[in-house]
Amino acid sequence: MKNLKSQFNEIENLKMFEIEVLNIKTGQKDYIIFDIEIQKNSLIAQHESLTLKQSKSKKIAFVKLALDNCFSIDENLQNLFDDCQSAILESDYFTLID
């Protein structure tokens, strides 16, 4: 686990995903930013509210993925990215652009 955490900390690029989406209400293109960090043994991607339930919550919305030592940091980040895209697909406000 320490190896994955140190690999993550060595990443020099911004630790975020920027995913192009379509605003369901307006039909306009937009972007959702997922800010990524490690908390304990998980990758956390914080983002703006994607559902009505998240909008009503006082907590910051996030996607969480447990780090898996069987995979590289790149594979763990890809799995987190997939989970972020799934969160958008379940959104009340946005959808992915084909």
C-alpha atoms as a PDB file:
ATOM      1  CA  MET A   1       0.000   0.000   0.000  1.00  0.00           C
ATOM      2  CA  LYS A   2       2.862   2.366   0.834  1.00  0.00           C
ATOM      3  CA  ASN A   3       4.252   1.844  -2.671  1.00  0.00           C
ATOM      4  CA  LEU A   4       0.946   2.904  -4.273  1.00  0.00           C
ATOM      5  CA  LYS A   5       0.728   5.947  -2.017  1.00  0.00           C
ATOM      6  CA  SER A   6       4.294   7.004  -2.794  1.00  0.00           C
ATOM      7  CA  GLN A   7       3.669   6.520  -6.538  1.00  0.00           C
ATOM      8  CA  PHE A   8       0.568   8.702  -6.251  1.00  0.00           C
ATOM      9  CA  ASN A   9       2.490  11.392  -4.367  1.00  0.00           C
ATOM     10  CA  GLU A  10       5.194  11.381  -7.067  1.00  0.00           C
ATOM     11  CA  ILE A  11       2.684  12.327  -9.775  1.00  0.00           C
ATOM     12  CA  GLU A  12       3.660  15.806 -10.934  1.00  0.00           C
ATOM     13  CA  ASN A  13       0.496  16.562 -12.931  1.00  0.00           C
ATOM     14  CA  LEU A  14      -2.641  17.937 -11.342  1.00  0.00           C
ATOM     15  CA  LYS A  15      -4.407  15.151  -9.505  1.00  0.00           C
ATOM     16  CA  MET A  16      -7.820  15.549 -11.069  1.00  0.00           C
ATOM     17  CA  PHE A  17     -10.138  14.284 -13.767  1.00  0.00           C
ATOM     18  CA  GLU A  18     -11.933  16.746 -16.029  1.00  0.00           C
ATOM     19  CA  ILE A  19     -14.833  14.981 -17.734  1.00  0.00           C
ATOM     20  CA  GLU A  20     -16.862  16.569 -20.507  1.00  0.00           C
ATOM     21  CA  VAL A  21     -20.609  16.325 -19.853  1.00  0.00           C
ATOM     22  CA  LEU A  22     -23.900  17.563 -21.204  1.00  0.00           C
ATOM     23  CA  ASN A  23     -26.140  19.559 -18.869  1.00  0.00           C
ATOM     24  CA  ILE A  24     -29.490  17.742 -19.125  1.00  0.00           C
ATOM     25  CA  LYS A  25     -31.540  20.860 -18.337  1.00  0.00           C
ATOM     26  CA  THR A  26     -29.841  23.312 -20.713  1.00  0.00           C
ATOM     27  CA  GLY A  27     -28.415  20.942 -23.316  1.00  0.00           C
ATOM     28  CA  GLN A  28     -25.085  22.774 -23.074  1.00  0.00           C
ATOM     29  CA  LYS A  29     -21.643  21.217 -22.854  1.00  0.00           C
ATOM     30  CA  ASP A  30     -19.964  21.519 -19.456  1.00  0.00           C
ATOM     31  CA  TYR A  31     -17.151  19.920 -17.482  1.00  0.00           C
ATOM     32  CA  ILE A  32     -17.134  18.150 -14.132  1.00  0.00           C
ATOM     33  CA  ILE A  33     -13.897  18.343 -12.151  1.00  0.00           C
ATOM     34  CA  PHE A  34     -13.001  15.463  -9.835  1.00  0.00           C
ATOM     35  CA  ASP A  35     -10.223  16.450  -7.387  1.00  0.00           C
ATOM     36  CA  ILE A  36      -8.292  13.319  -6.412  1.00  0.00           C
ATOM     37  CA  GLU A  37      -6.504  12.568  -3.167  1.00  0.00           C
ATOM     38  CA  ILE A  38      -5.602   9.583  -1.030  1.00  0.00           C
ATOM     39  CA  GLN A  39      -7.291   9.172   2.342  1.00  0.00           C
ATOM     40  CA  LYS A  40      -6.126   6.188   4.354  1.00  0.00           C
ATOM     41  CA  ASN A  41      -6.200   3.304   1.839  1.00  0.00           C
ATOM     42  CA  SER A  42      -8.627   4.811  -0.652  1.00  0.00           C
ATOM     43  CA  LEU A  43      -8.609   7.112  -3.630  1.00  0.00           C
ATOM     44  CA  ILE A  44     -11.174   9.885  -3.171  1.00  0.00           C
ATOM     45  CA  ALA A  45     -12.474  12.027  -6.046  1.00  0.00           C
ATOM     46  CA  GLN A  46     -14.420  15.034  -4.747  1.00  0.00           C
ATOM     47  CA  HIS A  47     -16.844  16.695  -7.140  1.00  0.00           C
ATOM     48  CA  GLU A  48     -19.828  19.004  -7.398  1.00  0.00           C
ATOM     49  CA  SER A  49     -23.239  17.534  -6.629  1.00  0.00           C
ATOM     50  CA  LEU A  50     -24.468  15.154  -9.307  1.00  0.00           C
ATOM     51  CA  THR A  51     -27.760  14.152  -7.716  1.00  0.00           C
ATOM     52  CA  LEU A  52     -30.563  15.866  -5.851  1.00  0.00           C
ATOM     53  CA  LYS A  53     -29.628  13.919  -2.713  1.00  0.00           C
ATOM     54  CA  GLN A  54     -26.036  15.188  -2.910  1.00  0.00           C
ATOM     55  CA  SER A  55     -27.310  18.740  -3.465  1.00  0.00           C
ATOM     56  CA  LYS A  56     -29.294  18.588  -0.239  1.00  0.00           C
ATOM     57  CA  SER A  57     -26.368  17.207   1.764  1.00  0.00           C
ATOM     58  CA  LYS A  58     -23.988  19.429   3.715  1.00  0.00           C
ATOM     59  CA  LYS A  59     -21.129  17.054   2.850  1.00  0.00           C
ATOM     60  CA  ILE A  60     -18.887  17.326  -0.205  1.00  0.00           C
ATOM     61  CA  ALA A  61     -19.866  14.793  -2.862  1.00  0.00           C
ATOM     62  CA  PHE A  62     -17.223  12.201  -3.710  1.00  0.00           C
ATOM     63  CA  VAL A  63     -16.456   8.899  -5.385  1.00  0.00           C
ATOM     64  CA  LYS A  64     -14.363   6.469  -3.336  1.00  0.00           C
ATOM     65  CA  LEU A  65     -12.249   3.512  -4.463  1.00  0.00           C
ATOM     66  CA  ALA A  66     -10.254   1.240  -2.176  1.00  0.00           C
ATOM     67  CA  LEU A  67      -6.644   0.979  -3.342  1.00  0.00           C
ATOM     68  CA  ASP A  68      -5.823  -2.502  -4.631  1.00  0.00           C
ATOM     69  CA  ASN A  69      -2.212  -3.676  -4.310  1.00  0.00           C
ATOM     70  CA  CYS A  70      -2.797  -6.181  -7.108  1.00  0.00           C
ATOM     71  CA  PHE A  71      -2.944  -3.263  -9.555  1.00  0.00           C
ATOM     72  CA  SER A  72      -0.580  -0.406 -10.399  1.00  0.00           C
ATOM     73  CA  ILE A  73      -1.416   3.167  -9.427  1.00  0.00           C
ATOM     74  CA  ASP A  74      -2.373   3.787 -13.073  1.00  0.00           C
ATOM     75  CA  GLU A  75      -4.830   0.883 -13.020  1.00  0.00           C
ATOM     76  CA  ASN A  76      -6.281   2.077  -9.704  1.00  0.00           C
ATOM     77  CA  LEU A  77      -6.726   5.561 -11.172  1.00  0.00           C
ATOM     78  CA  GLN A  78      -8.377   4.085 -14.279  1.00  0.00           C
ATOM     79  CA  ASN A  79     -10.820   2.204 -12.041  1.00  0.00           C
ATOM     80  CA  LEU A  80     -11.559   5.439 -10.170  1.00  0.00           C
ATOM     81  CA  PHE A  81     -12.096   7.228 -13.505  1.00  0.00           C
ATOM     82  CA  ASP A  82     -14.577   4.511 -14.526  1.00  0.00           C
ATOM     83  CA  ASP A  83     -16.415   4.982 -11.216  1.00  0.00           C
ATOM     84  CA  CYS A  84     -16.521   8.758 -11.794  1.00  0.00           C
ATOM     85  CA  GLN A  85     -18.051   8.208 -15.228  1.00  0.00           C
ATOM     86  CA  SER A  86     -20.619   5.863 -13.661  1.00  0.00           C
ATOM     87  CA  ALA A  87     -21.493   8.574 -11.124  1.00  0.00           C
ATOM     88  CA  ILE A  88     -22.151  10.966 -14.016  1.00  0.00           C
ATOM     89  CA  LEU A  89     -24.359   8.384 -15.743  1.00  0.00           C
ATOM     90  CA  GLU A  90     -26.419   8.172 -12.531  1.00  0.00           C
ATOM     91  CA  SER A  91     -26.604  11.983 -12.273  1.00  0.00           C
ATOM     92  CA  ASP A  92     -29.857  13.944 -12.118  1.00  0.00           C
ATOM     93  CA  TYR A  93     -28.170  16.912 -13.837  1.00  0.00           C
ATOM     94  CA  PHE A  94     -25.597  15.677 -16.344  1.00  0.00           C
ATOM     95  CA  THR A  95     -24.841  12.915 -18.818  1.00  0.00           C
ATOM     96  CA  LEU A  96     -21.699  11.932 -20.679  1.00  0.00           C
ATOM     97  CA  ILE A  97     -21.156  13.263 -24.176  1.00  0.00           C
ATOM     98  CA  ASP A  98     -20.877  10.424 -26.699  1.00  0.00           C
END
